Amino acid sequence: MTTGHVTDHNTMRAAILSEATRFGTSVDIGGPFTIGDPAHINEHNRLVTALQHLAGIALVTVTLPDTAHLNDAGHISDHTAMQSALTTIQAAAAWNAATGGTSIDYTESGHTYRAHVFHTPGAATFTVTRAIPGRSFDILIVGGGGGGANGGDPGNGASGRGGNGEKWTTDLTAQAYSLTIGAGGTSGDVPQGGAGGATTGFGHTAGGGNAGGYGYTPTGGWNHSDTIDGTGSQYYGRDAAARAYQTMTKYGGGGGGGASSGQWGFGGDPGAVIVRYQIG
């Protein structure tokens, strides 16, 4: 075993340790290595195992040699394959990665973010395919907006209440997460609007908005419901869910607008789940 060969091992060892730090993981490769080390082949194989581990985290495809044995003729060519794999890993971005919903990339304050927006009522899945320790995810969940009420005669119906929202930052692990997007409340449900559905995900629940009250009571007064996170208009709910990935402060799921005298109210907008993370 020559001095240059051992130097190659130690150079690769240092680079692998650097990549492990970059990807927030650890590898067991021993060393530094010395000339005449009787465990040379074992150390070689530990480097291969470490490269396989890093390639899995980096989500890259590499070709690595099989387990080496003493006096293998292909030992030197193994190093070439190992170096090629290391170069591929070094070129991979050490950021979180995920799939699901509508994916949107944008730049803010010099950083690039990816947001996954879920805005269709019902079950959905967000899958984290790479989770780098210390790189967090911003999450916003919002319940469906309440439906607006029908207008009485002569009263106007009240708007439905916007869905409740909750926002937090957390670390996630590489796995699939089940979500439920709350539906918007129905409009003018004989004659009051329907309540919005709850949105759930990541162990949290955002309740749906209350329905708007009917526009006229036997005593001659109007029933009004609170409107939060919006004005009660359908447009606000859709606009907020579409743009909230940037500010992570606006809430979707706006309540449906109340109707004027003698008219039908508007349905509430669906809730939303938005997950955002930095990618550059």
C-alpha atoms as a PDB file:
ATOM      1  CA  MET A   1       0.000   0.000   0.000  1.00  0.00           C
ATOM      2  CA  THR A   2       1.665   3.235  -1.150  1.00  0.00           C
ATOM      3  CA  THR A   3       1.774   6.650   0.513  1.00  0.00           C
ATOM      4  CA  GLY A   4      -0.341   8.094  -2.329  1.00  0.00           C
ATOM      5  CA  HIS A   5      -2.991   5.425  -1.924  1.00  0.00           C
ATOM      6  CA  VAL A   6      -3.326   6.120   1.787  1.00  0.00           C
ATOM      7  CA  THR A   7      -3.479   9.841   1.059  1.00  0.00           C
ATOM      8  CA  ASP A   8      -6.350   9.160  -1.355  1.00  0.00           C
ATOM      9  CA  HIS A   9      -8.189   7.324   1.424  1.00  0.00           C
ATOM     10  CA  ASN A  10      -7.725  10.158   3.882  1.00  0.00           C
ATOM     11  CA  THR A  11      -8.685  12.812   1.337  1.00  0.00           C
ATOM     12  CA  MET A  12     -11.879  10.923   0.570  1.00  0.00           C
ATOM     13  CA  ARG A  13     -12.481  10.370   4.284  1.00  0.00           C
ATOM     14  CA  ALA A  14     -12.281  14.128   4.966  1.00  0.00           C
ATOM     15  CA  ALA A  15     -14.630  14.903   2.061  1.00  0.00           C
ATOM     16  CA  ILE A  16     -17.174  12.313   3.206  1.00  0.00           C
ATOM     17  CA  LEU A  17     -17.149  13.713   6.741  1.00  0.00           C
ATOM     18  CA  SER A  18     -17.683  17.199   5.309  1.00  0.00           C
ATOM     19  CA  GLU A  19     -20.688  16.009   3.283  1.00  0.00           C
ATOM     20  CA  ALA A  20     -22.132  14.247   6.315  1.00  0.00           C
ATOM     21  CA  THR A  21     -21.978  17.532   8.226  1.00  0.00           C
ATOM     22  CA  ARG A  22     -23.585  19.397   5.303  1.00  0.00           C
ATOM     23  CA  PHE A  23     -26.497  16.952   5.209  1.00  0.00           C
ATOM     24  CA  GLY A  24     -26.908  16.918   8.985  1.00  0.00           C
ATOM     25  CA  THR A  25     -26.041  13.234   9.446  1.00  0.00           C
ATOM     26  CA  SER A  26     -23.169  11.125  10.769  1.00  0.00           C
ATOM     27  CA  VAL A  27     -21.089   8.295   9.318  1.00  0.00           C
ATOM     28  CA  ASP A  28     -18.775   5.758  10.934  1.00  0.00           C
ATOM     29  CA  ILE A  29     -15.649   5.510   8.768  1.00  0.00           C
ATOM     30  CA  GLY A  30     -12.778   5.394  11.251  1.00  0.00           C
ATOM     31  CA  GLY A  31      -9.327   6.780  10.409  1.00  0.00           C
ATOM     32  CA  PRO A  32      -7.279   8.733   9.647  1.00  0.00           C
ATOM     33  CA  PHE A  33      -5.567   5.858   7.864  1.00  0.00           C
ATOM     34  CA  THR A  34      -1.877   4.933   7.905  1.00  0.00           C
ATOM     35  CA  ILE A  35       0.508   2.884   5.765  1.00  0.00           C
ATOM     36  CA  GLY A  36       0.462  -0.786   6.652  1.00  0.00           C
ATOM     37  CA  ASP A  37      -2.917  -0.590   8.352  1.00  0.00           C
ATOM     38  CA  PRO A  38      -4.126  -4.233   8.517  1.00  0.00           C
ATOM     39  CA  ALA A  39      -7.758  -3.075   8.450  1.00  0.00           C
ATOM     40  CA  HIS A  40      -7.339  -1.300   5.110  1.00  0.00           C
ATOM     41  CA  ILE A  41      -9.999  -3.344   3.275  1.00  0.00           C
ATOM     42  CA  ASN A  42     -12.512  -2.895   6.101  1.00  0.00           C
ATOM     43  CA  GLU A  43     -11.879   0.848   6.022  1.00  0.00           C
ATOM     44  CA  HIS A  44     -12.379   0.833   2.254  1.00  0.00           C
ATOM     45  CA  ASN A  45     -15.750  -0.862   2.662  1.00  0.00           C
ATOM     46  CA  ARG A  46     -16.809   1.580   5.387  1.00  0.00           C
ATOM     47  CA  LEU A  47     -16.173   4.446   2.963  1.00  0.00           C
ATOM     48  CA  VAL A  48     -18.430   2.726   0.391  1.00  0.00           C
ATOM     49  CA  THR A  49     -21.162   2.259   3.003  1.00  0.00           C
ATOM     50  CA  ALA A  50     -20.897   5.915   4.015  1.00  0.00           C
ATOM     51  CA  LEU A  51     -21.227   7.023   0.376  1.00  0.00           C
ATOM     52  CA  GLN A  52     -24.337   4.850  -0.049  1.00  0.00           C
ATOM     53  CA  HIS A  53     -25.849   6.450   3.055  1.00  0.00           C
ATOM     54  CA  LEU A  54     -25.138   9.993   1.832  1.00  0.00           C
ATOM     55  CA  ALA A  55     -26.492   9.255  -1.644  1.00  0.00           C
ATOM     56  CA  GLY A  56     -29.777   8.140  -0.086  1.00  0.00           C
ATOM     57  CA  ILE A  57     -30.107  11.372   1.882  1.00  0.00           C
ATOM     58  CA  ALA A  58     -29.068  13.517  -1.079  1.00  0.00           C
ATOM     59  CA  LEU A  59     -31.617  11.750  -3.319  1.00  0.00           C
ATOM     60  CA  VAL A  60     -29.041  11.065  -6.020  1.00  0.00           C
ATOM     61  CA  THR A  61     -28.265   7.886  -7.933  1.00  0.00           C
ATOM     62  CA  VAL A  62     -24.672   6.634  -7.796  1.00  0.00           C
ATOM     63  CA  THR A  63     -22.855   3.457  -8.807  1.00  0.00           C
ATOM     64  CA  LEU A  64     -20.628   2.040  -6.082  1.00  0.00           C
ATOM     65  CA  PRO A  65     -18.413  -1.075  -5.971  1.00  0.00           C
ATOM     66  CA  ASP A  66     -19.369  -4.290  -4.264  1.00  0.00           C
ATOM     67  CA  THR A  67     -17.776  -5.317  -0.986  1.00  0.00           C
ATOM     68  CA  ALA A  68     -14.007  -5.444  -1.428  1.00  0.00           C
ATOM     69  CA  HIS A  69     -11.810  -8.328  -0.264  1.00  0.00           C
ATOM     70  CA  LEU A  70      -8.091  -8.655   0.326  1.00  0.00           C
ATOM     71  CA  ASN A  71      -6.044  -8.810  -2.914  1.00  0.00           C
ATOM     72  CA  ASP A  72      -9.028  -7.835  -5.103  1.00  0.00           C
ATOM     73  CA  ALA A  73      -7.708  -6.891  -8.540  1.00  0.00           C
ATOM     74  CA  GLY A  74     -10.233  -4.091  -8.903  1.00  0.00           C
ATOM     75  CA  HIS A  75      -9.322  -2.171  -5.777  1.00  0.00           C
ATOM     76  CA  ILE A  76      -7.928   0.860  -7.603  1.00  0.00           C
ATOM     77  CA  SER A  77     -10.851   1.069 -10.039  1.00  0.00           C
ATOM     78  CA  ASP A  78     -13.109   0.942  -6.992  1.00  0.00           C
ATOM     79  CA  HIS A  79     -11.597   4.241  -5.896  1.00  0.00           C
ATOM     80  CA  THR A  80     -12.510   5.802  -9.237  1.00  0.00           C
ATOM     81  CA  ALA A  81     -16.160   4.769  -8.781  1.00  0.00           C
ATOM     82  CA  MET A  82     -16.136   6.011  -5.197  1.00  0.00           C
ATOM     83  CA  GLN A  83     -14.747   9.389  -6.241  1.00  0.00           C
ATOM     84  CA  SER A  84     -17.397   9.704  -8.949  1.00  0.00           C
ATOM     85  CA  ALA A  85     -20.135   9.000  -6.382  1.00  0.00           C
ATOM     86  CA  LEU A  86     -18.634  11.553  -3.997  1.00  0.00           C
ATOM     87  CA  THR A  87     -18.594  14.193  -6.742  1.00  0.00           C
ATOM     88  CA  THR A  88     -22.295  13.550  -7.459  1.00  0.00           C
ATOM     89  CA  ILE A  89     -23.164  13.881  -3.762  1.00  0.00           C
ATOM     90  CA  GLN A  90     -21.165  17.103  -3.455  1.00  0.00           C
ATOM     91  CA  ALA A  91     -23.197  18.628  -6.294  1.00  0.00           C
ATOM     92  CA  ALA A  92     -26.546  17.841  -4.612  1.00  0.00           C
ATOM     93  CA  ALA A  93     -28.381  20.569  -2.701  1.00  0.00           C
ATOM     94  CA  ALA A  94     -28.592  19.975   1.041  1.00  0.00           C
ATOM     95  CA  TRP A  95     -32.174  21.189   1.415  1.00  0.00           C
ATOM     96  CA  ASN A  96     -35.466  19.607   2.378  1.00  0.00           C
ATOM     97  CA  ALA A  97     -37.540  18.042  -0.394  1.00  0.00           C
ATOM     98  CA  ALA A  98     -41.190  16.979  -0.582  1.00  0.00           C
ATOM     99  CA  THR A  99     -44.097  16.177  -2.886  1.00  0.00           C
ATOM    100  CA  GLY A 100     -47.842  16.860  -2.824  1.00  0.00           C
ATOM    101  CA  GLY A 101     -50.350  19.589  -3.596  1.00  0.00           C
ATOM    102  CA  THR A 102     -49.538  22.425  -5.992  1.00  0.00           C
ATOM    103  CA  SER A 103     -45.822  23.207  -5.810  1.00  0.00           C
ATOM    104  CA  ILE A 104     -44.770  26.856  -6.180  1.00  0.00           C
ATOM    105  CA  ASP A 105     -41.182  28.214  -6.143  1.00  0.00           C
ATOM    106  CA  TYR A 106     -40.487  31.886  -5.444  1.00  0.00           C
ATOM    107  CA  THR A 107     -37.754  34.210  -4.191  1.00  0.00           C
ATOM    108  CA  GLU A 108     -38.033  36.347  -1.083  1.00  0.00           C
ATOM    109  CA  SER A 109     -35.293  38.479   0.541  1.00  0.00           C
ATOM    110  CA  GLY A 110     -32.626  36.772  -1.550  1.00  0.00           C
ATOM    111  CA  HIS A 111     -33.702  33.231  -0.625  1.00  0.00           C
ATOM    112  CA  THR A 112     -35.620  30.693  -2.716  1.00  0.00           C
ATOM    113  CA  TYR A 113     -38.595  28.909  -1.169  1.00  0.00           C
ATOM    114  CA  ARG A 114     -40.901  26.115  -2.258  1.00  0.00           C
ATOM    115  CA  ALA A 115     -44.520  26.069  -1.084  1.00  0.00           C
ATOM    116  CA  HIS A 116     -46.952  23.165  -1.379  1.00  0.00           C
ATOM    117  CA  VAL A 117     -50.548  24.432  -1.456  1.00  0.00           C
ATOM    118  CA  PHE A 118     -53.532  22.156  -0.723  1.00  0.00           C
ATOM    119  CA  HIS A 119     -56.877  23.876  -1.393  1.00  0.00           C
ATOM    120  CA  THR A 120     -59.207  21.090  -2.566  1.00  0.00           C
ATOM    121  CA  PRO A 121     -61.652  19.777   0.077  1.00  0.00           C
ATOM    122  CA  GLY A 122     -61.057  16.235   1.282  1.00  0.00           C
ATOM    123  CA  ALA A 123     -58.111  13.955   1.977  1.00  0.00           C
ATOM    124  CA  ALA A 124     -54.609  14.748   0.735  1.00  0.00           C
ATOM    125  CA  THR A 125     -51.038  13.625   1.377  1.00  0.00           C
ATOM    126  CA  PHE A 126     -47.853  15.628   1.886  1.00  0.00           C
ATOM    127  CA  THR A 127     -44.730  13.469   1.595  1.00  0.00           C
ATOM    128  CA  VAL A 128     -41.328  14.579   2.859  1.00  0.00           C
ATOM    129  CA  THR A 129     -38.711  12.829   0.724  1.00  0.00           C
ATOM    130  CA  ARG A 130     -35.669  14.494   2.314  1.00  0.00           C
ATOM    131  CA  ALA A 131     -35.506  16.110   5.769  1.00  0.00           C
ATOM    132  CA  ILE A 132     -32.291  17.895   6.707  1.00  0.00           C
ATOM    133  CA  PRO A 133     -31.867  18.335  10.488  1.00  0.00           C
ATOM    134  CA  GLY A 134     -31.991  21.992  11.470  1.00  0.00           C
ATOM    135  CA  ARG A 135     -33.831  23.036   8.285  1.00  0.00           C
ATOM    136  CA  SER A 136     -37.417  23.626   9.337  1.00  0.00           C
ATOM    137  CA  PHE A 137     -40.799  23.722   7.582  1.00  0.00           C
ATOM    138  CA  ASP A 138     -43.324  26.598   7.879  1.00  0.00           C
ATOM    139  CA  ILE A 139     -46.888  25.283   8.067  1.00  0.00           C
ATOM    140  CA  LEU A 140     -50.217  27.107   7.779  1.00  0.00           C
ATOM    141  CA  ILE A 141     -53.575  25.302   8.122  1.00  0.00           C
ATOM    142  CA  VAL A 142     -56.956  26.967   7.715  1.00  0.00           C
ATOM    143  CA  GLY A 143     -60.501  25.715   8.180  1.00  0.00           C
ATOM    144  CA  GLY A 144     -63.236  26.132   5.565  1.00  0.00           C
ATOM    145  CA  GLY A 145     -65.195  29.364   5.600  1.00  0.00           C
ATOM    146  CA  GLY A 146     -68.802  29.425   6.769  1.00  0.00           C
ATOM    147  CA  GLY A 147     -71.569  29.882   4.210  1.00  0.00           C
ATOM    148  CA  GLY A 148     -73.390  33.186   3.898  1.00  0.00           C
ATOM    149  CA  ALA A 149     -77.035  33.387   4.828  1.00  0.00           C
ATOM    150  CA  ASN A 150     -80.021  33.992   2.623  1.00  0.00           C
ATOM    151  CA  GLY A 151     -81.525  37.423   2.674  1.00  0.00           C
ATOM    152  CA  GLY A 152     -84.843  37.712   4.436  1.00  0.00           C
ATOM    153  CA  ASP A 153     -87.679  39.967   3.526  1.00  0.00           C
ATOM    154  CA  PRO A 154     -86.692  42.728   4.046  1.00  0.00           C
ATOM    155  CA  GLY A 155     -83.394  41.916   5.843  1.00  0.00           C
ATOM    156  CA  ASN A 156     -79.939  41.172   4.395  1.00  0.00           C
ATOM    157  CA  GLY A 157     -78.236  37.869   5.310  1.00  0.00           C
ATOM    158  CA  ALA A 158     -75.021  37.898   7.327  1.00  0.00           C
ATOM    159  CA  SER A 159     -71.700  36.786   5.893  1.00  0.00           C
ATOM    160  CA  GLY A 160     -70.215  33.499   7.000  1.00  0.00           C
ATOM    161  CA  ARG A 161     -67.228  33.598   9.295  1.00  0.00           C
ATOM    162  CA  GLY A 162     -63.771  32.943   7.826  1.00  0.00           C
ATOM    163  CA  GLY A 163     -62.084  29.672   8.749  1.00  0.00           C
ATOM    164  CA  ASN A 164     -59.793  29.629  11.760  1.00  0.00           C
ATOM    165  CA  GLY A 165     -56.083  29.559  10.979  1.00  0.00           C
ATOM    166  CA  GLU A 166     -52.983  28.265  12.721  1.00  0.00           C
ATOM    167  CA  LYS A 167     -49.350  28.802  11.731  1.00  0.00           C
ATOM    168  CA  TRP A 168     -46.132  27.313  13.149  1.00  0.00           C
ATOM    169  CA  THR A 169     -42.587  26.277  12.267  1.00  0.00           C
ATOM    170  CA  THR A 170     -41.316  22.750  12.911  1.00  0.00           C
ATOM    171  CA  ASP A 171     -38.931  20.005  11.842  1.00  0.00           C
ATOM    172  CA  LEU A 172     -40.463  17.091   9.923  1.00  0.00           C
ATOM    173  CA  THR A 173     -39.127  13.647   9.121  1.00  0.00           C
ATOM    174  CA  ALA A 174     -39.024  11.814   5.790  1.00  0.00           C
ATOM    175  CA  GLN A 175     -42.470  10.218   5.671  1.00  0.00           C
ATOM    176  CA  ALA A 176     -46.016  10.726   4.355  1.00  0.00           C
ATOM    177  CA  TYR A 177     -48.359  13.033   6.301  1.00  0.00           C
ATOM    178  CA  SER A 178     -52.140  12.712   5.960  1.00  0.00           C
ATOM    179  CA  LEU A 179     -54.153  15.929   5.596  1.00  0.00           C
ATOM    180  CA  THR A 180     -57.848  16.788   5.501  1.00  0.00           C
ATOM    181  CA  ILE A 181     -58.904  20.049   3.858  1.00  0.00           C
ATOM    182  CA  GLY A 182     -62.140  21.452   5.257  1.00  0.00           C
ATOM    183  CA  ALA A 183     -64.923  22.197   2.788  1.00  0.00           C
ATOM    184  CA  GLY A 184     -66.550  25.598   2.622  1.00  0.00           C
ATOM    185  CA  GLY A 185     -69.964  25.934   4.209  1.00  0.00           C
ATOM    186  CA  THR A 186     -73.010  25.740   1.968  1.00  0.00           C
ATOM    187  CA  SER A 187     -74.899  28.886   1.112  1.00  0.00           C
ATOM    188  CA  GLY A 188     -78.297  29.713   2.527  1.00  0.00           C
ATOM    189  CA  ASP A 189     -79.045  26.334   4.089  1.00  0.00           C
ATOM    190  CA  VAL A 190     -82.756  26.855   4.802  1.00  0.00           C
ATOM    191  CA  PRO A 191     -82.233  29.714   5.400  1.00  0.00           C
ATOM    192  CA  GLN A 192     -78.949  29.946   7.352  1.00  0.00           C
ATOM    193  CA  GLY A 193     -75.609  29.135   5.717  1.00  0.00           C
ATOM    194  CA  GLY A 194     -73.720  25.953   6.578  1.00  0.00           C
ATOM    195  CA  ALA A 195     -70.642  25.897   8.802  1.00  0.00           C
ATOM    196  CA  GLY A 196     -67.194  25.382   7.235  1.00  0.00           C
ATOM    197  CA  GLY A 197     -65.366  22.092   7.706  1.00  0.00           C
ATOM    198  CA  ALA A 198     -62.274  21.638   9.889  1.00  0.00           C
ATOM    199  CA  THR A 199     -58.820  21.258   8.346  1.00  0.00           C
ATOM    200  CA  THR A 200     -56.401  18.829  10.002  1.00  0.00           C
ATOM    201  CA  GLY A 201     -52.754  17.943   9.550  1.00  0.00           C
ATOM    202  CA  PHE A 202     -49.480  17.401  11.410  1.00  0.00           C
ATOM    203  CA  GLY A 203     -51.369  16.838  14.675  1.00  0.00           C
ATOM    204  CA  HIS A 204     -53.178  20.207  14.476  1.00  0.00           C
ATOM    205  CA  THR A 205     -56.780  21.196  13.717  1.00  0.00           C
ATOM    206  CA  ALA A 206     -58.144  24.489  12.384  1.00  0.00           C
ATOM    207  CA  GLY A 207     -61.897  24.734  12.870  1.00  0.00           C
ATOM    208  CA  GLY A 208     -64.278  25.856  10.166  1.00  0.00           C
ATOM    209  CA  GLY A 209     -66.049  29.202  10.235  1.00  0.00           C
ATOM    210  CA  ASN A 210     -69.562  29.640  11.594  1.00  0.00           C
ATOM    211  CA  ALA A 211     -72.447  30.126   9.208  1.00  0.00           C
ATOM    212  CA  GLY A 212     -74.013  33.497   8.615  1.00  0.00           C
ATOM    213  CA  GLY A 213     -77.362  34.198  10.259  1.00  0.00           C
ATOM    214  CA  TYR A 214     -80.645  34.670   8.407  1.00  0.00           C
ATOM    215  CA  GLY A 215     -81.396  38.217   7.426  1.00  0.00           C
ATOM    216  CA  TYR A 216     -84.662  38.710   9.287  1.00  0.00           C
ATOM    217  CA  THR A 217     -86.106  37.501  12.561  1.00  0.00           C
ATOM    218  CA  PRO A 218     -89.663  37.558  13.881  1.00  0.00           C
ATOM    219  CA  THR A 219     -88.691  40.464  16.147  1.00  0.00           C
ATOM    220  CA  GLY A 220     -87.564  42.511  13.204  1.00  0.00           C
ATOM    221  CA  GLY A 221     -83.830  42.353  13.912  1.00  0.00           C
ATOM    222  CA  TRP A 222     -80.916  41.041  11.881  1.00  0.00           C
ATOM    223  CA  ASN A 223     -78.699  38.117  12.791  1.00  0.00           C
ATOM    224  CA  HIS A 224     -75.006  38.837  12.273  1.00  0.00           C
ATOM    225  CA  SER A 225     -72.061  36.442  12.545  1.00  0.00           C
ATOM    226  CA  ASP A 226     -68.475  37.441  13.179  1.00  0.00           C
ATOM    227  CA  THR A 227     -66.116  37.633  10.231  1.00  0.00           C
ATOM    228  CA  ILE A 228     -62.431  37.050  10.901  1.00  0.00           C
ATOM    229  CA  ASP A 229     -59.495  36.640   8.532  1.00  0.00           C
ATOM    230  CA  GLY A 230     -61.509  38.264   5.776  1.00  0.00           C
ATOM    231  CA  THR A 231     -64.532  40.308   4.943  1.00  0.00           C
ATOM    232  CA  GLY A 232     -66.893  37.430   4.326  1.00  0.00           C
ATOM    233  CA  SER A 233     -66.461  37.640   0.572  1.00  0.00           C
ATOM    234  CA  GLN A 234     -65.676  34.563  -1.482  1.00  0.00           C
ATOM    235  CA  TYR A 235     -62.981  36.418  -3.406  1.00  0.00           C
ATOM    236  CA  TYR A 236     -60.960  37.100  -0.295  1.00  0.00           C
ATOM    237  CA  GLY A 237     -60.920  33.452   0.658  1.00  0.00           C
ATOM    238  CA  ARG A 238     -59.626  32.270  -2.707  1.00  0.00           C
ATOM    239  CA  ASP A 239     -57.148  35.112  -3.028  1.00  0.00           C
ATOM    240  CA  ALA A 240     -55.735  34.535   0.436  1.00  0.00           C
ATOM    241  CA  ALA A 241     -55.210  30.809  -0.062  1.00  0.00           C
ATOM    242  CA  ALA A 242     -53.501  31.440  -3.384  1.00  0.00           C
ATOM    243  CA  ARG A 243     -51.075  34.031  -2.008  1.00  0.00           C
ATOM    244  CA  ALA A 244     -50.571  32.967   1.594  1.00  0.00           C
ATOM    245  CA  TYR A 245     -47.536  30.866   0.678  1.00  0.00           C
ATOM    246  CA  GLN A 246     -45.516  34.064   0.367  1.00  0.00           C
ATOM    247  CA  THR A 247     -46.398  35.865   3.575  1.00  0.00           C
ATOM    248  CA  MET A 248     -47.611  32.822   5.553  1.00  0.00           C
ATOM    249  CA  THR A 249     -49.858  35.289   7.373  1.00  0.00           C
ATOM    250  CA  LYS A 250     -53.019  35.625   5.245  1.00  0.00           C
ATOM    251  CA  TYR A 251     -55.644  33.006   5.920  1.00  0.00           C
ATOM    252  CA  GLY A 252     -57.657  31.268   3.229  1.00  0.00           C
ATOM    253  CA  GLY A 253     -61.127  29.849   3.740  1.00  0.00           C
ATOM    254  CA  GLY A 254     -62.992  33.150   3.662  1.00  0.00           C
ATOM    255  CA  GLY A 255     -66.645  33.062   4.667  1.00  0.00           C
ATOM    256  CA  GLY A 256     -69.305  33.322   1.994  1.00  0.00           C
ATOM    257  CA  GLY A 257     -70.944  36.708   1.523  1.00  0.00           C
ATOM    258  CA  GLY A 258     -74.410  37.289   2.874  1.00  0.00           C
ATOM    259  CA  ALA A 259     -77.230  37.941   0.451  1.00  0.00           C
ATOM    260  CA  SER A 260     -79.309  41.034   0.034  1.00  0.00           C
ATOM    261  CA  SER A 261     -83.009  41.057   0.792  1.00  0.00           C
ATOM    262  CA  GLY A 262     -84.806  38.116  -0.774  1.00  0.00           C
ATOM    263  CA  GLN A 263     -81.633  36.610  -2.326  1.00  0.00           C
ATOM    264  CA  TRP A 264     -79.509  33.501  -1.680  1.00  0.00           C
ATOM    265  CA  GLY A 265     -76.190  33.745   0.174  1.00  0.00           C
ATOM    266  CA  PHE A 266     -72.794  32.570  -1.077  1.00  0.00           C
ATOM    267  CA  GLY A 267     -70.941  29.444  -0.033  1.00  0.00           C
ATOM    268  CA  GLY A 268     -67.738  29.665   1.998  1.00  0.00           C
ATOM    269  CA  ASP A 269     -64.383  28.971   0.433  1.00  0.00           C
ATOM    270  CA  PRO A 270     -62.529  25.707   1.230  1.00  0.00           C
ATOM    271  CA  GLY A 271     -59.795  25.673   3.811  1.00  0.00           C
ATOM    272  CA  ALA A 272     -56.137  25.208   2.979  1.00  0.00           C
ATOM    273  CA  VAL A 273     -52.865  23.664   4.068  1.00  0.00           C
ATOM    274  CA  ILE A 274     -49.651  25.376   2.991  1.00  0.00           C
ATOM    275  CA  VAL A 275     -46.191  23.980   3.730  1.00  0.00           C
ATOM    276  CA  ARG A 276     -43.155  26.092   2.903  1.00  0.00           C
ATOM    277  CA  TYR A 277     -39.400  25.436   3.145  1.00  0.00           C
ATOM    278  CA  GLN A 278     -36.211  26.998   1.832  1.00  0.00           C
ATOM    279  CA  ILE A 279     -34.487  25.428  -1.168  1.00  0.00           C
ATOM    280  CA  GLY A 280     -31.754  27.944  -1.870  1.00  0.00           C
END
